[in-house]
Amino acid sequence: MSSTDRSEDDDHPVYTMGGAAELIGVTPAFLRAVGEAGLITPLRSGGGHRRYSRDQLRLASRARDLVDQGTPVEAACRIVSLEDSLDEALRINAELRGSAPQDA
């Protein structure tokens, strides 16, 4: 994969902490908090700096929306994580139902 392709990849960690925080309108402390809560795990650069992907920033942004509504950070992270798990389970269930033979 070329470097151009990697920058288009939503999973590729291209954003620094400061850039990521500015992009989604949070503080670096908020990004650290959602990381500590286990919602996202940024990649570390060779120098030890955190790098975030677009997918991670989408998750952090969803948590921020809940926090803005008064939900504690840890609870917001758990809600986002559970929502994603449910979405994945529903997707798998739909796939299995679509591929399973139907009883007459």
PDB file of N, CA and C in Angstrom:
ATOM      1  N   MET A   1       0.851  -1.177   0.000  1.00  0.00           N
ATOM      2  CA  MET A   1       0.000   0.000   0.000  1.00  0.00           C
ATOM      3  C   MET A   1       0.895   1.237   0.000  1.00  0.00           C
ATOM      4  N   SER A   2       0.628   2.157  -0.889  1.00  0.00           N
ATOM      5  CA  SER A   2       1.441   3.371  -0.960  1.00  0.00           C
ATOM      6  C   SER A   2       1.048   4.332   0.158  1.00  0.00           C
ATOM      7  N   SER A   3       1.881   5.337   0.378  1.00  0.00           N
ATOM      8  CA  SER A   3       1.581   6.304   1.434  1.00  0.00           C
ATOM      9  C   SER A   3       0.304   7.073   1.119  1.00  0.00           C
ATOM     10  N   THR A   4      -0.010   7.285  -0.164  1.00  0.00           N
ATOM     11  CA  THR A   4      -1.250   7.950  -0.541  1.00  0.00           C
ATOM     12  C   THR A   4      -2.438   7.087  -0.160  1.00  0.00           C
ATOM     13  N   ASP A   5      -2.350   5.770  -0.452  1.00  0.00           N
ATOM     14  CA  ASP A   5      -3.425   4.864  -0.090  1.00  0.00           C
ATOM     15  C   ASP A   5      -3.622   4.832   1.421  1.00  0.00           C
ATOM     16  N   ARG A   6      -2.544   4.846   2.178  1.00  0.00           N
ATOM     17  CA  ARG A   6      -2.634   4.781   3.631  1.00  0.00           C
ATOM     18  C   ARG A   6      -3.322   6.006   4.204  1.00  0.00           C
ATOM     19  N   SER A   7      -3.107   7.175   3.619  1.00  0.00           N
ATOM     20  CA  SER A   7      -3.751   8.374   4.138  1.00  0.00           C
ATOM     21  C   SER A   7      -5.255   8.349   3.870  1.00  0.00           C
ATOM     22  N   GLU A   8      -5.693   7.545   2.914  1.00  0.00           N
ATOM     23  CA  GLU A   8      -7.114   7.394   2.617  1.00  0.00           C
ATOM     24  C   GLU A   8      -7.774   6.346   3.516  1.00  0.00           C
ATOM     25  N   ASP A   9      -6.979   5.541   4.209  1.00  0.00           N
ATOM     26  CA  ASP A   9      -7.460   4.450   5.053  1.00  0.00           C
ATOM     27  C   ASP A   9      -7.970   5.019   6.373  1.00  0.00           C
ATOM     28  N   ASP A  10      -9.244   4.755   6.698  1.00  0.00           N
ATOM     29  CA  ASP A  10      -9.831   5.284   7.930  1.00  0.00           C
ATOM     30  C   ASP A  10      -9.214   4.698   9.190  1.00  0.00           C
ATOM     31  N   ASP A  11      -8.514   3.564   9.064  1.00  0.00           N
ATOM     32  CA  ASP A  11      -7.875   2.937  10.219  1.00  0.00           C
ATOM     33  C   ASP A  11      -6.421   3.373  10.406  1.00  0.00           C
ATOM     34  N   HIS A  12      -5.870   4.080   9.440  1.00  0.00           N
ATOM     35  CA  HIS A  12      -4.467   4.480   9.517  1.00  0.00           C
ATOM     36  C   HIS A  12      -4.322   5.702  10.440  1.00  0.00           C
ATOM     37  N   PRO A  13      -3.472   5.607  11.459  1.00  0.00           N
ATOM     38  CA  PRO A  13      -3.320   6.711  12.416  1.00  0.00           C
ATOM     39  C   PRO A  13      -2.473   7.853  11.855  1.00  0.00           C
ATOM     40  N   VAL A  14      -3.126   8.882  11.381  1.00  0.00           N
ATOM     41  CA  VAL A  14      -2.413   9.995  10.754  1.00  0.00           C
ATOM     42  C   VAL A  14      -2.460  11.292  11.563  1.00  0.00           C
ATOM     43  N   TYR A  15      -3.335  11.369  12.566  1.00  0.00           N
ATOM     44  CA  TYR A  15      -3.527  12.623  13.285  1.00  0.00           C
ATOM     45  C   TYR A  15      -2.753  12.645  14.604  1.00  0.00           C
ATOM     46  N   THR A  16      -2.046  13.734  14.844  1.00  0.00           N
ATOM     47  CA  THR A  16      -1.393  13.933  16.135  1.00  0.00           C
ATOM     48  C   THR A  16      -2.465  14.236  17.174  1.00  0.00           C
ATOM     49  N   MET A  17      -2.094  14.188  18.425  1.00  0.00           N
ATOM     50  CA  MET A  17      -3.067  14.473  19.473  1.00  0.00           C
ATOM     51  C   MET A  17      -3.651  15.880  19.324  1.00  0.00           C
ATOM     52  N   GLY A  18      -2.796  16.864  19.122  1.00  0.00           N
ATOM     53  CA  GLY A  18      -3.287  18.232  18.982  1.00  0.00           C
ATOM     54  C   GLY A  18      -4.172  18.401  17.767  1.00  0.00           C
ATOM     55  N   GLY A  19      -3.761  17.826  16.632  1.00  0.00           N
ATOM     56  CA  GLY A  19      -4.561  17.916  15.417  1.00  0.00           C
ATOM     57  C   GLY A  19      -5.885  17.189  15.555  1.00  0.00           C
ATOM     58  N   ALA A  20      -5.861  16.028  16.187  1.00  0.00           N
ATOM     59  CA  ALA A  20      -7.075  15.244  16.395  1.00  0.00           C
ATOM     60  C   ALA A  20      -8.043  15.993  17.304  1.00  0.00           C
ATOM     61  N   ALA A  21      -7.522  16.547  18.394  1.00  0.00           N
ATOM     62  CA  ALA A  21      -8.365  17.276  19.334  1.00  0.00           C
ATOM     63  C   ALA A  21      -9.018  18.475  18.656  1.00  0.00           C
ATOM     64  N   GLU A  22      -8.246  19.198  17.886  1.00  0.00           N
ATOM     65  CA  GLU A  22      -8.788  20.369  17.180  1.00  0.00           C
ATOM     66  C   GLU A  22      -9.840  19.951  16.160  1.00  0.00           C
ATOM     67  N   LEU A  23      -9.577  18.871  15.448  1.00  0.00           N
ATOM     68  CA  LEU A  23     -10.486  18.404  14.400  1.00  0.00           C
ATOM     69  C   LEU A  23     -11.870  18.071  14.939  1.00  0.00           C
ATOM     70  N   ILE A  24     -11.941  17.438  16.119  1.00  0.00           N
ATOM     71  CA  ILE A  24     -13.255  17.052  16.642  1.00  0.00           C
ATOM     72  C   ILE A  24     -13.739  17.963  17.773  1.00  0.00           C
ATOM     73  N   GLY A  25     -12.988  19.013  18.054  1.00  0.00           N
ATOM     74  CA  GLY A  25     -13.440  20.014  19.019  1.00  0.00           C
ATOM     75  C   GLY A  25     -13.376  19.585  20.473  1.00  0.00           C
ATOM     76  N   VAL A  26     -12.297  18.890  20.829  1.00  0.00           N
ATOM     77  CA  VAL A  26     -12.095  18.475  22.225  1.00  0.00           C
ATOM     78  C   VAL A  26     -10.708  18.901  22.664  1.00  0.00           C
ATOM     79  N   THR A  27     -10.404  18.650  23.915  1.00  0.00           N
ATOM     80  CA  THR A  27      -9.063  18.918  24.428  1.00  0.00           C
ATOM     81  C   THR A  27      -8.227  17.638  24.329  1.00  0.00           C
ATOM     82  N   PRO A  28      -6.911  17.781  24.326  1.00  0.00           N
ATOM     83  CA  PRO A  28      -6.073  16.586  24.406  1.00  0.00           C
ATOM     84  C   PRO A  28      -6.392  15.743  25.641  1.00  0.00           C
ATOM     85  N   ALA A  29      -6.762  16.383  26.735  1.00  0.00           N
ATOM     86  CA  ALA A  29      -7.122  15.644  27.954  1.00  0.00           C
ATOM     87  C   ALA A  29      -8.331  14.745  27.713  1.00  0.00           C
ATOM     88  N   PHE A  30      -9.269  15.210  26.909  1.00  0.00           N
ATOM     89  CA  PHE A  30     -10.435  14.372  26.592  1.00  0.00           C
ATOM     90  C   PHE A  30      -9.992  13.137  25.807  1.00  0.00           C
ATOM     91  N   LEU A  31      -9.107  13.318  24.843  1.00  0.00           N
ATOM     92  CA  LEU A  31      -8.616  12.162  24.082  1.00  0.00           C
ATOM     93  C   LEU A  31      -7.881  11.185  24.988  1.00  0.00           C
ATOM     94  N   ARG A  32      -7.114  11.704  25.924  1.00  0.00           N
ATOM     95  CA  ARG A  32      -6.443  10.811  26.884  1.00  0.00           C
ATOM     96  C   ARG A  32      -7.473  10.069  27.721  1.00  0.00           C
ATOM     97  N   ALA A  33      -8.538  10.761  28.128  1.00  0.00           N
ATOM     98  CA  ALA A  33      -9.572  10.146  28.968  1.00  0.00           C
ATOM     99  C   ALA A  33     -10.305   9.023  28.230  1.00  0.00           C
ATOM    100  N   VAL A  34     -10.641   9.230  26.957  1.00  0.00           N
ATOM    101  CA  VAL A  34     -11.330   8.150  26.229  1.00  0.00           C
ATOM    102  C   VAL A  34     -10.371   7.002  25.950  1.00  0.00           C
ATOM    103  N   GLY A  35      -9.097   7.306  25.860  1.00  0.00           N
ATOM    104  CA  GLY A  35      -8.105   6.245  25.740  1.00  0.00           C
ATOM    105  C   GLY A  35      -7.992   5.451  27.025  1.00  0.00           C
ATOM    106  N   GLU A  36      -7.957   6.146  28.156  1.00  0.00           N
ATOM    107  CA  GLU A  36      -7.881   5.476  29.459  1.00  0.00           C
ATOM    108  C   GLU A  36      -9.136   4.662  29.737  1.00  0.00           C
ATOM    109  N   ALA A  37     -10.281   5.108  29.216  1.00  0.00           N
ATOM    110  CA  ALA A  37     -11.539   4.375  29.391  1.00  0.00           C
ATOM    111  C   ALA A  37     -11.625   3.172  28.456  1.00  0.00           C
ATOM    112  N   GLY A  38     -10.664   3.047  27.543  1.00  0.00           N
ATOM    113  CA  GLY A  38     -10.607   1.882  26.669  1.00  0.00           C
ATOM    114  C   GLY A  38     -11.401   1.982  25.387  1.00  0.00           C
ATOM    115  N   LEU A  39     -11.932   3.156  25.084  1.00  0.00           N
ATOM    116  CA  LEU A  39     -12.702   3.299  23.843  1.00  0.00           C
ATOM    117  C   LEU A  39     -11.791   3.271  22.625  1.00  0.00           C
ATOM    118  N   ILE A  40     -10.675   3.953  22.709  1.00  0.00           N
ATOM    119  CA  ILE A  40      -9.712   3.987  21.606  1.00  0.00           C
ATOM    120  C   ILE A  40      -8.316   3.721  22.160  1.00  0.00           C
ATOM    121  N   THR A  41      -7.476   3.178  21.305  1.00  0.00           N
ATOM    122  CA  THR A  41      -6.077   2.955  21.667  1.00  0.00           C
ATOM    123  C   THR A  41      -5.219   3.532  20.551  1.00  0.00           C
ATOM    124  N   PRO A  42      -4.724   4.750  20.742  1.00  0.00           N
ATOM    125  CA  PRO A  42      -3.921   5.360  19.687  1.00  0.00           C
ATOM    126  C   PRO A  42      -2.608   4.611  19.483  1.00  0.00           C
ATOM    127  N   LEU A  43      -2.143   4.645  18.260  1.00  0.00           N
ATOM    128  CA  LEU A  43      -0.826   4.090  17.954  1.00  0.00           C
ATOM    129  C   LEU A  43       0.208   5.067  18.487  1.00  0.00           C
ATOM    130  N   ARG A  44       1.349   4.555  18.877  1.00  0.00           N
ATOM    131  CA  ARG A  44       2.441   5.427  19.325  1.00  0.00           C
ATOM    132  C   ARG A  44       3.479   5.531  18.215  1.00  0.00           C
ATOM    133  N   SER A  45       3.909   6.747  17.943  1.00  0.00           N
ATOM    134  CA  SER A  45       4.964   6.967  16.955  1.00  0.00           C
ATOM    135  C   SER A  45       6.289   6.476  17.536  1.00  0.00           C
ATOM    136  N   GLY A  46       7.318   6.468  16.725  1.00  0.00           N
ATOM    137  CA  GLY A  46       8.641   6.084  17.191  1.00  0.00           C
ATOM    138  C   GLY A  46       9.098   6.920  18.374  1.00  0.00           C
ATOM    139  N   GLY A  47       8.668   8.157  18.429  1.00  0.00           N
ATOM    140  CA  GLY A  47       9.025   9.046  19.531  1.00  0.00           C
ATOM    141  C   GLY A  47       8.069   8.962  20.711  1.00  0.00           C
ATOM    142  N   GLY A  48       7.090   8.062  20.637  1.00  0.00           N
ATOM    143  CA  GLY A  48       6.146   7.890  21.736  1.00  0.00           C
ATOM    144  C   GLY A  48       4.920   8.777  21.690  1.00  0.00           C
ATOM    145  N   HIS A  49       4.742   9.526  20.608  1.00  0.00           N
ATOM    146  CA  HIS A  49       3.588  10.420  20.486  1.00  0.00           C
ATOM    147  C   HIS A  49       2.365   9.646  20.001  1.00  0.00           C
ATOM    148  N   ARG A  50       1.208  10.018  20.510  1.00  0.00           N
ATOM    149  CA  ARG A  50      -0.033   9.362  20.115  1.00  0.00           C
ATOM    150  C   ARG A  50      -0.423   9.787  18.702  1.00  0.00           C
ATOM    151  N   ARG A  51      -0.939   8.807  17.926  1.00  0.00           N
ATOM    152  CA  ARG A  51      -1.456   9.055  16.579  1.00  0.00           C
ATOM    153  C   ARG A  51      -2.838   8.416  16.494  1.00  0.00           C
ATOM    154  N   TYR A  52      -3.778   9.154  15.909  1.00  0.00           N
ATOM    155  CA  TYR A  52      -5.173   8.724  15.852  1.00  0.00           C
ATOM    156  C   TYR A  52      -5.634   8.545  14.407  1.00  0.00           C
ATOM    157  N   SER A  53      -6.510   7.568  14.205  1.00  0.00           N
ATOM    158  CA  SER A  53      -7.109   7.340  12.889  1.00  0.00           C
ATOM    159  C   SER A  53      -8.461   8.049  12.820  1.00  0.00           C
ATOM    160  N   ARG A  54      -8.994   8.149  11.620  1.00  0.00           N
ATOM    161  CA  ARG A  54     -10.328   8.745  11.440  1.00  0.00           C
ATOM    162  C   ARG A  54     -11.384   7.926  12.179  1.00  0.00           C
ATOM    163  N   ASP A  55     -11.281   6.592  12.126  1.00  0.00           N
ATOM    164  CA  ASP A  55     -12.252   5.759  12.843  1.00  0.00           C
ATOM    165  C   ASP A  55     -12.198   6.025  14.347  1.00  0.00           C
ATOM    166  N   GLN A  56     -11.010   6.166  14.901  1.00  0.00           N
ATOM    167  CA  GLN A  56     -10.891   6.463  16.327  1.00  0.00           C
ATOM    168  C   GLN A  56     -11.495   7.821  16.651  1.00  0.00           C
ATOM    169  N   LEU A  57     -11.309   8.771  15.764  1.00  0.00           N
ATOM    170  CA  LEU A  57     -11.863  10.104  16.001  1.00  0.00           C
ATOM    171  C   LEU A  57     -13.382  10.100  15.908  1.00  0.00           C
ATOM    172  N   ARG A  58     -13.944   9.254  15.052  1.00  0.00           N
ATOM    173  CA  ARG A  58     -15.408   9.123  14.994  1.00  0.00           C
ATOM    174  C   ARG A  58     -15.938   8.601  16.328  1.00  0.00           C
ATOM    175  N   LEU A  59     -15.265   7.602  16.883  1.00  0.00           N
ATOM    176  CA  LEU A  59     -15.681   7.063  18.182  1.00  0.00           C
ATOM    177  C   LEU A  59     -15.562   8.128  19.275  1.00  0.00           C
ATOM    178  N   ALA A  60     -14.445   8.816  19.308  1.00  0.00           N
ATOM    179  CA  ALA A  60     -14.238   9.866  20.311  1.00  0.00           C
ATOM    180  C   ALA A  60     -15.279  10.971  20.168  1.00  0.00           C
ATOM    181  N   SER A  61     -15.637  11.301  18.940  1.00  0.00           N
ATOM    182  CA  SER A  61     -16.639  12.332  18.698  1.00  0.00           C
ATOM    183  C   SER A  61     -18.013  11.896  19.206  1.00  0.00           C
ATOM    184  N   ARG A  62     -18.345  10.630  19.006  1.00  0.00           N
ATOM    185  CA  ARG A  62     -19.622  10.107  19.520  1.00  0.00           C
ATOM    186  C   ARG A  62     -19.633  10.176  21.049  1.00  0.00           C
ATOM    187  N   ALA A  63     -18.517   9.843  21.673  1.00  0.00           N
ATOM    188  CA  ALA A  63     -18.421   9.932  23.136  1.00  0.00           C
ATOM    189  C   ALA A  63     -18.551  11.388  23.575  1.00  0.00           C
ATOM    190  N   ARG A  64     -17.924  12.284  22.840  1.00  0.00           N
ATOM    191  CA  ARG A  64     -18.015  13.713  23.178  1.00  0.00           C
ATOM    192  C   ARG A  64     -19.458  14.185  23.148  1.00  0.00           C
ATOM    193  N   ASP A  65     -20.228  13.735  22.156  1.00  0.00           N
ATOM    194  CA  ASP A  65     -21.638  14.125  22.070  1.00  0.00           C
ATOM    195  C   ASP A  65     -22.393  13.708  23.331  1.00  0.00           C
ATOM    196  N   LEU A  66     -22.124  12.505  23.816  1.00  0.00           N
ATOM    197  CA  LEU A  66     -22.776  12.032  25.038  1.00  0.00           C
ATOM    198  C   LEU A  66     -22.311  12.824  26.260  1.00  0.00           C
ATOM    199  N   VAL A  67     -21.027  13.116  26.315  1.00  0.00           N
ATOM    200  CA  VAL A  67     -20.493  13.903  27.433  1.00  0.00           C
ATOM    201  C   VAL A  67     -21.107  15.300  27.417  1.00  0.00           C
ATOM    202  N   ASP A  68     -21.277  15.864  26.237  1.00  0.00           N
ATOM    203  CA  ASP A  68     -21.900  17.187  26.120  1.00  0.00           C
ATOM    204  C   ASP A  68     -23.334  17.188  26.648  1.00  0.00           C
ATOM    205  N   GLN A  69     -23.967  16.003  26.641  1.00  0.00           N
ATOM    206  CA  GLN A  69     -25.344  15.872  27.153  1.00  0.00           C
ATOM    207  C   GLN A  69     -25.369  15.544  28.647  1.00  0.00           C
ATOM    208  N   GLY A  70     -24.184  15.468  29.272  1.00  0.00           N
ATOM    209  CA  GLY A  70     -24.110  15.257  30.709  1.00  0.00           C
ATOM    210  C   GLY A  70     -23.698  13.855  31.141  1.00  0.00           C
ATOM    211  N   THR A  71     -23.368  12.981  30.212  1.00  0.00           N
ATOM    212  CA  THR A  71     -22.950  11.626  30.546  1.00  0.00           C
ATOM    213  C   THR A  71     -21.482  11.639  30.963  1.00  0.00           C
ATOM    214  N   PRO A  72     -21.126  10.962  32.045  1.00  0.00           N
ATOM    215  CA  PRO A  72     -19.713  10.881  32.431  1.00  0.00           C
ATOM    216  C   PRO A  72     -18.886  10.200  31.326  1.00  0.00           C
ATOM    217  N   VAL A  73     -17.622  10.571  31.218  1.00  0.00           N
ATOM    218  CA  VAL A  73     -16.757  10.069  30.145  1.00  0.00           C
ATOM    219  C   VAL A  73     -16.734   8.547  30.107  1.00  0.00           C
ATOM    220  N   GLU A  74     -16.538   7.915  31.253  1.00  0.00           N
ATOM    221  CA  GLU A  74     -16.444   6.453  31.278  1.00  0.00           C
ATOM    222  C   GLU A  74     -17.730   5.810  30.777  1.00  0.00           C
ATOM    223  N   ALA A  75     -18.875   6.345  31.191  1.00  0.00           N
ATOM    224  CA  ALA A  75     -20.168   5.812  30.751  1.00  0.00           C
ATOM    225  C   ALA A  75     -20.375   6.061  29.264  1.00  0.00           C
ATOM    226  N   ALA A  76     -19.984   7.225  28.786  1.00  0.00           N
ATOM    227  CA  ALA A  76     -20.114   7.540  27.366  1.00  0.00           C
ATOM    228  C   ALA A  76     -19.295   6.569  26.524  1.00  0.00           C
ATOM    229  N   CYS A  77     -18.096   6.271  26.967  1.00  0.00           N
ATOM    230  CA  CYS A  77     -17.238   5.333  26.244  1.00  0.00           C
ATOM    231  C   CYS A  77     -17.861   3.943  26.225  1.00  0.00           C
ATOM    232  N   ARG A  78     -18.428   3.536  27.345  1.00  0.00           N
ATOM    233  CA  ARG A  78     -19.074   2.212  27.412  1.00  0.00           C
ATOM    234  C   ARG A  78     -20.292   2.174  26.495  1.00  0.00           C
ATOM    235  N   ILE A  79     -21.076   3.213  26.461  1.00  0.00           N
ATOM    236  CA  ILE A  79     -22.255   3.275  25.593  1.00  0.00           C
ATOM    237  C   ILE A  79     -21.845   3.148  24.132  1.00  0.00           C
ATOM    238  N   VAL A  80     -20.850   3.918  23.717  1.00  0.00           N
ATOM    239  CA  VAL A  80     -20.384   3.871  22.327  1.00  0.00           C
ATOM    240  C   VAL A  80     -19.871   2.471  21.993  1.00  0.00           C
ATOM    241  N   SER A  81     -19.123   1.880  22.904  1.00  0.00           N
ATOM    242  CA  SER A  81     -18.600   0.532  22.688  1.00  0.00           C
ATOM    243  C   SER A  81     -19.736  -0.485  22.555  1.00  0.00           C
ATOM    244  N   LEU A  82     -20.732  -0.393  23.428  1.00  0.00           N
ATOM    245  CA  LEU A  82     -21.871  -1.322  23.364  1.00  0.00           C
ATOM    246  C   LEU A  82     -22.698  -1.115  22.096  1.00  0.00           C
ATOM    247  N   GLU A  83     -22.869   0.128  21.691  1.00  0.00           N
ATOM    248  CA  GLU A  83     -23.598   0.395  20.443  1.00  0.00           C
ATOM    249  C   GLU A  83     -22.887  -0.251  19.260  1.00  0.00           C
ATOM    250  N   ASP A  84     -21.569  -0.132  19.215  1.00  0.00           N
ATOM    251  CA  ASP A  84     -20.803  -0.739  18.127  1.00  0.00           C
ATOM    252  C   ASP A  84     -20.881  -2.258  18.169  1.00  0.00           C
ATOM    253  N   SER A  85     -20.834  -2.839  19.367  1.00  0.00           N
ATOM    254  CA  SER A  85     -20.949  -4.295  19.500  1.00  0.00           C
ATOM    255  C   SER A  85     -22.320  -4.768  19.027  1.00  0.00           C
ATOM    256  N   LEU A  86     -23.357  -4.037  19.384  1.00  0.00           N
ATOM    257  CA  LEU A  86     -24.703  -4.390  18.946  1.00  0.00           C
ATOM    258  C   LEU A  86     -24.829  -4.285  17.433  1.00  0.00           C
ATOM    259  N   ASP A  87     -24.316  -3.219  16.855  1.00  0.00           N
ATOM    260  CA  ASP A  87     -24.358  -3.053  15.396  1.00  0.00           C
ATOM    261  C   ASP A  87     -23.658  -4.214  14.698  1.00  0.00           C
ATOM    262  N   GLU A  88     -22.511  -4.616  15.225  1.00  0.00           N
ATOM    263  CA  GLU A  88     -21.760  -5.724  14.631  1.00  0.00           C
ATOM    264  C   GLU A  88     -22.532  -7.036  14.766  1.00  0.00           C
ATOM    265  N   ALA A  89     -23.134  -7.277  15.926  1.00  0.00           N
ATOM    266  CA  ALA A  89     -23.915  -8.499  16.133  1.00  0.00           C
ATOM    267  C   ALA A  89     -25.119  -8.540  15.192  1.00  0.00           C
ATOM    268  N   LEU A  90     -25.779  -7.411  15.012  1.00  0.00           N
ATOM    269  CA  LEU A  90     -26.924  -7.349  14.102  1.00  0.00           C
ATOM    270  C   LEU A  90     -26.490  -7.586  12.656  1.00  0.00           C
ATOM    271  N   ARG A  91     -25.332  -7.050  12.289  1.00  0.00           N
ATOM    272  CA  ARG A  91     -24.817  -7.258  10.936  1.00  0.00           C
ATOM    273  C   ARG A  91     -24.517  -8.734  10.702  1.00  0.00           C
ATOM    274  N   ILE A  92     -23.848  -9.365  11.656  1.00  0.00           N
ATOM    275  CA  ILE A  92     -23.520 -10.788  11.525  1.00  0.00           C
ATOM    276  C   ILE A  92     -24.789 -11.628  11.480  1.00  0.00           C
ATOM    277  N   ASN A  93     -25.746 -11.303  12.337  1.00  0.00           N
ATOM    278  CA  ASN A  93     -27.009 -12.031  12.363  1.00  0.00           C
ATOM    279  C   ASN A  93     -27.720 -11.930  11.011  1.00  0.00           C
ATOM    280  N   ALA A  94     -27.738 -10.733  10.442  1.00  0.00           N
ATOM    281  CA  ALA A  94     -28.378 -10.546   9.140  1.00  0.00           C
ATOM    282  C   ALA A  94     -27.668 -11.355   8.059  1.00  0.00           C
ATOM    283  N   GLU A  95     -26.341 -11.382   8.105  1.00  0.00           N
ATOM    284  CA  GLU A  95     -25.575 -12.171   7.138  1.00  0.00           C
ATOM    285  C   GLU A  95     -25.892 -13.650   7.275  1.00  0.00           C
ATOM    286  N   LEU A  96     -25.924 -14.140   8.500  1.00  0.00           N
ATOM    287  CA  LEU A  96     -26.200 -15.551   8.735  1.00  0.00           C
ATOM    288  C   LEU A  96     -27.615 -15.924   8.311  1.00  0.00           C
ATOM    289  N   ARG A  97     -28.558 -15.067   8.589  1.00  0.00           N
ATOM    290  CA  ARG A  97     -29.937 -15.325   8.168  1.00  0.00           C
ATOM    291  C   ARG A  97     -30.067 -15.339   6.656  1.00  0.00           C
ATOM    292  N   GLY A  98     -29.309 -14.470   6.025  1.00  0.00           N
ATOM    293  CA  GLY A  98     -29.352 -14.407   4.563  1.00  0.00           C
ATOM    294  C   GLY A  98     -28.709 -15.608   3.904  1.00  0.00           C
ATOM    295  N   SER A  99     -27.721 -16.215   4.556  1.00  0.00           N
ATOM    296  CA  SER A  99     -27.015 -17.320   3.942  1.00  0.00           C
ATOM    297  C   SER A  99     -27.491 -18.680   4.435  1.00  0.00           C
ATOM    298  N   ALA A 100     -28.290 -18.693   5.515  1.00  0.00           N
ATOM    299  CA  ALA A 100     -28.784 -19.967   6.049  1.00  0.00           C
ATOM    300  C   ALA A 100     -29.944 -20.479   5.200  1.00  0.00           C
ATOM    301  N   PRO A 101     -30.019 -21.794   5.019  1.00  0.00           N
ATOM    302  CA  PRO A 101     -31.150 -22.343   4.264  1.00  0.00           C
ATOM    303  C   PRO A 101     -32.447 -22.093   5.031  1.00  0.00           C
ATOM    304  N   GLN A 102     -33.483 -21.772   4.311  1.00  0.00           N
ATOM    305  CA  GLN A 102     -34.797 -21.498   4.889  1.00  0.00           C
ATOM    306  C   GLN A 102     -35.585 -22.779   5.008  1.00  0.00           C
ATOM    307  N   ASP A 103     -36.220 -23.005   6.177  1.00  0.00           N
ATOM    308  CA  ASP A 103     -37.093 -24.169   6.364  1.00  0.00           C
ATOM    309  C   ASP A 103     -38.426 -23.880   5.708  1.00  0.00           C
ATOM    310  N   ALA A 104     -38.985 -24.882   5.054  1.00  0.00           N
ATOM    311  CA  ALA A 104     -40.269 -24.701   4.365  1.00  0.00           C
ATOM    312  C   ALA A 104     -41.423 -24.887   5.302  1.00  0.00           C
TER     313      ALA A 104
END
